[in-house]
Amino acid sequence: MMPLRALWQRGRHFGAMLVGVPDYDAYVRHMQDRHPGHEVMTREQFVRSRMEARLGAKTPGKCPC
């Protein structure tokens, strides 16, 4: 059986995905694993870039990494 904390985290992540909230922690893990030499955006920069991509910014669909 899954511990309550892990269940809560999965539910929180799923809920955030439903409403379109970007997952900053997943982004940081991705950057550390796949792009270790690149600078990681701050949480504020990341959220702004995701909102711009979602709402049709100058570079639509561009990955934040």
PDB file of N, CA and C in Angstrom:
ATOM      1  N   MET A   1       0.838  -1.193   0.000  1.00  0.00           N
ATOM      2  CA  MET A   1       0.000   0.000   0.000  1.00  0.00           C
ATOM      3  C   MET A   1       0.877   1.249   0.000  1.00  0.00           C
ATOM      4  N   MET A   2       0.461   2.256  -0.729  1.00  0.00           N
ATOM      5  CA  MET A   2       1.223   3.483  -0.889  1.00  0.00           C
ATOM      6  C   MET A   2       1.119   4.340   0.383  1.00  0.00           C
ATOM      7  N   PRO A   3       2.266   4.863   0.858  1.00  0.00           N
ATOM      8  CA  PRO A   3       2.208   5.751   2.025  1.00  0.00           C
ATOM      9  C   PRO A   3       1.356   6.986   1.736  1.00  0.00           C
ATOM     10  N   LEU A   4       0.763   7.528   2.776  1.00  0.00           N
ATOM     11  CA  LEU A   4      -0.136   8.672   2.633  1.00  0.00           C
ATOM     12  C   LEU A   4       0.561   9.865   1.969  1.00  0.00           C
ATOM     13  N   ARG A   5       1.816  10.116   2.316  1.00  0.00           N
ATOM     14  CA  ARG A   5       2.550  11.251   1.738  1.00  0.00           C
ATOM     15  C   ARG A   5       2.705  11.097   0.216  1.00  0.00           C
ATOM     16  N   ALA A   6       3.070   9.893  -0.228  1.00  0.00           N
ATOM     17  CA  ALA A   6       3.238   9.643  -1.663  1.00  0.00           C
ATOM     18  C   ALA A   6       1.892   9.778  -2.378  1.00  0.00           C
ATOM     19  N   LEU A   7       0.846   9.308  -1.762  1.00  0.00           N
ATOM     20  CA  LEU A   7      -0.495   9.423  -2.347  1.00  0.00           C
ATOM     21  C   LEU A   7      -0.889  10.890  -2.473  1.00  0.00           C
ATOM     22  N   TRP A   8      -0.627  11.671  -1.441  1.00  0.00           N
ATOM     23  CA  TRP A   8      -0.923  13.103  -1.465  1.00  0.00           C
ATOM     24  C   TRP A   8      -0.147  13.794  -2.595  1.00  0.00           C
ATOM     25  N   GLN A   9       1.142  13.480  -2.740  1.00  0.00           N
ATOM     26  CA  GLN A   9       1.969  14.105  -3.768  1.00  0.00           C
ATOM     27  C   GLN A   9       1.459  13.764  -5.169  1.00  0.00           C
ATOM     28  N   ARG A  10       1.086  12.533  -5.380  1.00  0.00           N
ATOM     29  CA  ARG A  10       0.536  12.134  -6.683  1.00  0.00           C
ATOM     30  C   ARG A  10      -0.774  12.858  -6.979  1.00  0.00           C
ATOM     31  N   GLY A  11      -1.620  12.946  -5.969  1.00  0.00           N
ATOM     32  CA  GLY A  11      -2.890  13.656  -6.148  1.00  0.00           C
ATOM     33  C   GLY A  11      -2.678  15.129  -6.426  1.00  0.00           C
ATOM     34  N   ARG A  12      -1.734  15.741  -5.738  1.00  0.00           N
ATOM     35  CA  ARG A  12      -1.415  17.152  -5.948  1.00  0.00           C
ATOM     36  C   ARG A  12      -0.877  17.384  -7.357  1.00  0.00           C
ATOM     37  N   HIS A  13       0.011  16.497  -7.790  1.00  0.00           N
ATOM     38  CA  HIS A  13       0.583  16.601  -9.127  1.00  0.00           C
ATOM     39  C   HIS A  13      -0.510  16.446 -10.189  1.00  0.00           C
ATOM     40  N   PHE A  14      -1.378  15.474 -10.017  1.00  0.00           N
ATOM     41  CA  PHE A  14      -2.469  15.243 -10.963  1.00  0.00           C
ATOM     42  C   PHE A  14      -3.398  16.453 -11.021  1.00  0.00           C
ATOM     43  N   GLY A  15      -3.749  16.991  -9.872  1.00  0.00           N
ATOM     44  CA  GLY A  15      -4.616  18.170  -9.831  1.00  0.00           C
ATOM     45  C   GLY A  15      -3.986  19.368 -10.514  1.00  0.00           C
ATOM     46  N   ALA A  16      -2.693  19.560 -10.304  1.00  0.00           N
ATOM     47  CA  ALA A  16      -1.988  20.669 -10.942  1.00  0.00           C
ATOM     48  C   ALA A  16      -1.982  20.503 -12.457  1.00  0.00           C
ATOM     49  N   MET A  17      -1.794  19.283 -12.915  1.00  0.00           N
ATOM     50  CA  MET A  17      -1.805  19.023 -14.358  1.00  0.00           C
ATOM     51  C   MET A  17      -3.173  19.326 -14.956  1.00  0.00           C
ATOM     52  N   LEU A  18      -4.232  19.012 -14.218  1.00  0.00           N
ATOM     53  CA  LEU A  18      -5.593  19.253 -14.715  1.00  0.00           C
ATOM     54  C   LEU A  18      -5.864  20.727 -14.964  1.00  0.00           C
ATOM     55  N   VAL A  19      -5.312  21.582 -14.108  1.00  0.00           N
ATOM     56  CA  VAL A  19      -5.580  23.014 -14.254  1.00  0.00           C
ATOM     57  C   VAL A  19      -4.449  23.741 -14.969  1.00  0.00           C
ATOM     58  N   GLY A  20      -3.432  23.024 -15.403  1.00  0.00           N
ATOM     59  CA  GLY A  20      -2.373  23.634 -16.199  1.00  0.00           C
ATOM     60  C   GLY A  20      -1.265  24.301 -15.421  1.00  0.00           C
ATOM     61  N   VAL A  21      -1.067  23.938 -14.173  1.00  0.00           N
ATOM     62  CA  VAL A  21       0.013  24.507 -13.370  1.00  0.00           C
ATOM     63  C   VAL A  21       1.289  23.746 -13.696  1.00  0.00           C
ATOM     64  N   PRO A  22       2.357  24.447 -14.092  1.00  0.00           N
ATOM     65  CA  PRO A  22       3.606  23.769 -14.436  1.00  0.00           C
ATOM     66  C   PRO A  22       4.278  23.159 -13.210  1.00  0.00           C
ATOM     67  N   ASP A  23       5.008  22.066 -13.409  1.00  0.00           N
ATOM     68  CA  ASP A  23       5.688  21.353 -12.329  1.00  0.00           C
ATOM     69  C   ASP A  23       7.159  21.769 -12.294  1.00  0.00           C
ATOM     70  N   TYR A  24       7.473  22.747 -11.458  1.00  0.00           N
ATOM     71  CA  TYR A  24       8.828  23.276 -11.373  1.00  0.00           C
ATOM     72  C   TYR A  24       9.815  22.210 -10.889  1.00  0.00           C
ATOM     73  N   ASP A  25       9.428  21.410  -9.917  1.00  0.00           N
ATOM     74  CA  ASP A  25      10.333  20.384  -9.381  1.00  0.00           C
ATOM     75  C   ASP A  25      10.712  19.365 -10.453  1.00  0.00           C
ATOM     76  N   ALA A  26       9.747  18.989 -11.301  1.00  0.00           N
ATOM     77  CA  ALA A  26      10.049  18.062 -12.401  1.00  0.00           C
ATOM     78  C   ALA A  26      10.998  18.721 -13.395  1.00  0.00           C
ATOM     79  N   TYR A  27      10.807  20.023 -13.646  1.00  0.00           N
ATOM     80  CA  TYR A  27      11.696  20.768 -14.539  1.00  0.00           C
ATOM     81  C   TYR A  27      13.126  20.758 -13.995  1.00  0.00           C
ATOM     82  N   VAL A  28      13.279  21.031 -12.702  1.00  0.00           N
ATOM     83  CA  VAL A  28      14.620  21.059 -12.089  1.00  0.00           C
ATOM     84  C   VAL A  28      15.273  19.685 -12.198  1.00  0.00           C
ATOM     85  N   ARG A  29      14.529  18.628 -11.909  1.00  0.00           N
ATOM     86  CA  ARG A  29      15.088  17.271 -12.034  1.00  0.00           C
ATOM     87  C   ARG A  29      15.503  16.995 -13.475  1.00  0.00           C
ATOM     88  N   HIS A  30      14.664  17.394 -14.432  1.00  0.00           N
ATOM     89  CA  HIS A  30      14.973  17.198 -15.850  1.00  0.00           C
ATOM     90  C   HIS A  30      16.263  17.926 -16.220  1.00  0.00           C
ATOM     91  N   MET A  31      16.386  19.169 -15.785  1.00  0.00           N
ATOM     92  CA  MET A  31      17.576  19.954 -16.113  1.00  0.00           C
ATOM     93  C   MET A  31      18.835  19.334 -15.501  1.00  0.00           C
ATOM     94  N   GLN A  32      18.739  18.864 -14.276  1.00  0.00           N
ATOM     95  CA  GLN A  32      19.892  18.246 -13.614  1.00  0.00           C
ATOM     96  C   GLN A  32      20.277  16.934 -14.282  1.00  0.00           C
ATOM     97  N   ASP A  33      19.287  16.161 -14.693  1.00  0.00           N
ATOM     98  CA  ASP A  33      19.553  14.861 -15.313  1.00  0.00           C
ATOM     99  C   ASP A  33      19.998  14.969 -16.768  1.00  0.00           C
ATOM    100  N   ARG A  34      19.320  15.807 -17.542  1.00  0.00           N
ATOM    101  CA  ARG A  34      19.538  15.855 -18.990  1.00  0.00           C
ATOM    102  C   ARG A  34      20.426  16.994 -19.481  1.00  0.00           C
ATOM    103  N   HIS A  35      20.480  18.090 -18.707  1.00  0.00           N
ATOM    104  CA  HIS A  35      21.235  19.274 -19.134  1.00  0.00           C
ATOM    105  C   HIS A  35      22.064  19.822 -17.972  1.00  0.00           C
ATOM    106  N   PRO A  36      22.986  19.029 -17.419  1.00  0.00           N
ATOM    107  CA  PRO A  36      23.703  19.446 -16.208  1.00  0.00           C
ATOM    108  C   PRO A  36      24.535  20.717 -16.365  1.00  0.00           C
ATOM    109  N   GLY A  37      24.932  21.090 -17.558  1.00  0.00           N
ATOM    110  CA  GLY A  37      25.741  22.280 -17.750  1.00  0.00           C
ATOM    111  C   GLY A  37      24.940  23.561 -17.930  1.00  0.00           C
ATOM    112  N   HIS A  38      23.614  23.444 -18.045  1.00  0.00           N
ATOM    113  CA  HIS A  38      22.774  24.611 -18.297  1.00  0.00           C
ATOM    114  C   HIS A  38      22.282  25.219 -16.980  1.00  0.00           C
ATOM    115  N   GLU A  39      22.038  26.514 -17.023  1.00  0.00           N
ATOM    116  CA  GLU A  39      21.511  27.207 -15.853  1.00  0.00           C
ATOM    117  C   GLU A  39      20.028  26.881 -15.696  1.00  0.00           C
ATOM    118  N   VAL A  40      19.603  26.647 -14.467  1.00  0.00           N
ATOM    119  CA  VAL A  40      18.205  26.346 -14.157  1.00  0.00           C
ATOM    120  C   VAL A  40      17.482  27.655 -13.861  1.00  0.00           C
ATOM    121  N   MET A  41      16.325  27.848 -14.483  1.00  0.00           N
ATOM    122  CA  MET A  41      15.534  29.050 -14.231  1.00  0.00           C
ATOM    123  C   MET A  41      15.029  29.054 -12.794  1.00  0.00           C
ATOM    124  N   THR A  42      14.800  30.244 -12.270  1.00  0.00           N
ATOM    125  CA  THR A  42      14.150  30.349 -10.964  1.00  0.00           C
ATOM    126  C   THR A  42      12.703  29.919 -11.134  1.00  0.00           C
ATOM    127  N   ARG A  43      12.036  29.668 -10.037  1.00  0.00           N
ATOM    128  CA  ARG A  43      10.622  29.268 -10.098  1.00  0.00           C
ATOM    129  C   ARG A  43       9.803  30.345 -10.814  1.00  0.00           C
ATOM    130  N   GLU A  44      10.066  31.610 -10.511  1.00  0.00           N
ATOM    131  CA  GLU A  44       9.328  32.703 -11.140  1.00  0.00           C
ATOM    132  C   GLU A  44       9.573  32.747 -12.648  1.00  0.00           C
ATOM    133  N   GLN A  45      10.822  32.604 -13.064  1.00  0.00           N
ATOM    134  CA  GLN A  45      11.141  32.591 -14.491  1.00  0.00           C
ATOM    135  C   GLN A  45      10.460  31.422 -15.191  1.00  0.00           C
ATOM    136  N   PHE A  46      10.475  30.257 -14.546  1.00  0.00           N
ATOM    137  CA  PHE A  46       9.871  29.070 -15.127  1.00  0.00           C
ATOM    138  C   PHE A  46       8.369  29.238 -15.318  1.00  0.00           C
ATOM    139  N   VAL A  47       7.688  29.705 -14.282  1.00  0.00           N
ATOM    140  CA  VAL A  47       6.237  29.889 -14.359  1.00  0.00           C
ATOM    141  C   VAL A  47       5.914  30.917 -15.434  1.00  0.00           C
ATOM    142  N   ARG A  48       6.666  32.015 -15.501  1.00  0.00           N
ATOM    143  CA  ARG A  48       6.424  33.030 -16.518  1.00  0.00           C
ATOM    144  C   ARG A  48       6.605  32.439 -17.922  1.00  0.00           C
ATOM    145  N   SER A  49       7.665  31.643 -18.110  1.00  0.00           N
ATOM    146  CA  SER A  49       7.908  31.058 -19.438  1.00  0.00           C
ATOM    147  C   SER A  49       6.802  30.087 -19.827  1.00  0.00           C
ATOM    148  N   ARG A  50       6.293  29.321 -18.888  1.00  0.00           N
ATOM    149  CA  ARG A  50       5.210  28.385 -19.180  1.00  0.00           C
ATOM    150  C   ARG A  50       3.921  29.121 -19.494  1.00  0.00           C
ATOM    151  N   MET A  51       3.644  30.205 -18.764  1.00  0.00           N
ATOM    152  CA  MET A  51       2.446  30.979 -19.037  1.00  0.00           C
ATOM    153  C   MET A  51       2.538  31.645 -20.411  1.00  0.00           C
ATOM    154  N   GLU A  52       3.693  32.168 -20.754  1.00  0.00           N
ATOM    155  CA  GLU A  52       3.874  32.779 -22.069  1.00  0.00           C
ATOM    156  C   GLU A  52       3.688  31.743 -23.170  1.00  0.00           C
ATOM    157  N   ALA A  53       4.239  30.551 -22.969  1.00  0.00           N
ATOM    158  CA  ALA A  53       4.092  29.489 -23.971  1.00  0.00           C
ATOM    159  C   ALA A  53       2.628  29.072 -24.104  1.00  0.00           C
ATOM    160  N   ARG A  54       1.932  29.013 -22.999  1.00  0.00           N
ATOM    161  CA  ARG A  54       0.536  28.582 -23.011  1.00  0.00           C
ATOM    162  C   ARG A  54      -0.381  29.632 -23.618  1.00  0.00           C
ATOM    163  N   LEU A  55      -0.054  30.897 -23.396  1.00  0.00           N
ATOM    164  CA  LEU A  55      -0.931  31.966 -23.842  1.00  0.00           C
ATOM    165  C   LEU A  55      -0.508  32.588 -25.161  1.00  0.00           C
ATOM    166  N   GLY A  56       0.431  31.955 -25.860  1.00  0.00           N
ATOM    167  CA  GLY A  56       0.827  32.443 -27.173  1.00  0.00           C
ATOM    168  C   GLY A  56       1.862  33.551 -27.141  1.00  0.00           C
ATOM    169  N   ALA A  57       2.996  33.280 -26.557  1.00  0.00           N
ATOM    170  CA  ALA A  57       4.077  34.260 -26.503  1.00  0.00           C
ATOM    171  C   ALA A  57       4.800  34.331 -27.849  1.00  0.00           C
ATOM    172  N   LYS A  58       5.913  35.038 -27.858  1.00  0.00           N
ATOM    173  CA  LYS A  58       6.698  35.212 -29.064  1.00  0.00           C
ATOM    174  C   LYS A  58       7.251  33.892 -29.595  1.00  0.00           C
ATOM    175  N   THR A  59       7.532  32.941 -28.711  1.00  0.00           N
ATOM    176  CA  THR A  59       8.097  31.653 -29.116  1.00  0.00           C
ATOM    177  C   THR A  59       7.162  30.526 -28.649  1.00  0.00           C
ATOM    178  N   PRO A  60       5.997  30.385 -29.249  1.00  0.00           N
ATOM    179  CA  PRO A  60       5.045  29.367 -28.797  1.00  0.00           C
ATOM    180  C   PRO A  60       5.593  27.952 -28.914  1.00  0.00           C
ATOM    181  N   GLY A  61       5.335  27.160 -27.885  1.00  0.00           N
ATOM    182  CA  GLY A  61       5.731  25.763 -27.913  1.00  0.00           C
ATOM    183  C   GLY A  61       7.184  25.513 -27.598  1.00  0.00           C
ATOM    184  N   LYS A  62       7.938  26.554 -27.272  1.00  0.00           N
ATOM    185  CA  LYS A  62       9.360  26.376 -26.984  1.00  0.00           C
ATOM    186  C   LYS A  62       9.539  25.746 -25.606  1.00  0.00           C
ATOM    187  N   CYS A  63      10.344  24.730 -25.545  1.00  0.00           N
ATOM    188  CA  CYS A  63      10.638  24.051 -24.285  1.00  0.00           C
ATOM    189  C   CYS A  63      11.467  24.979 -23.390  1.00  0.00           C
ATOM    190  N   PRO A  64      11.219  25.014 -22.079  1.00  0.00           N
ATOM    191  CA  PRO A  64      11.984  25.894 -21.210  1.00  0.00           C
ATOM    192  C   PRO A  64      13.426  25.450 -21.012  1.00  0.00           C
ATOM    193  N   CYS A  65      13.757  24.293 -21.524  1.00  0.00           N
ATOM    194  CA  CYS A  65      15.129  23.835 -21.370  1.00  0.00           C
ATOM    195  C   CYS A  65      15.828  24.051 -22.679  1.00  0.00           C
TER     196      CYS A  65
END
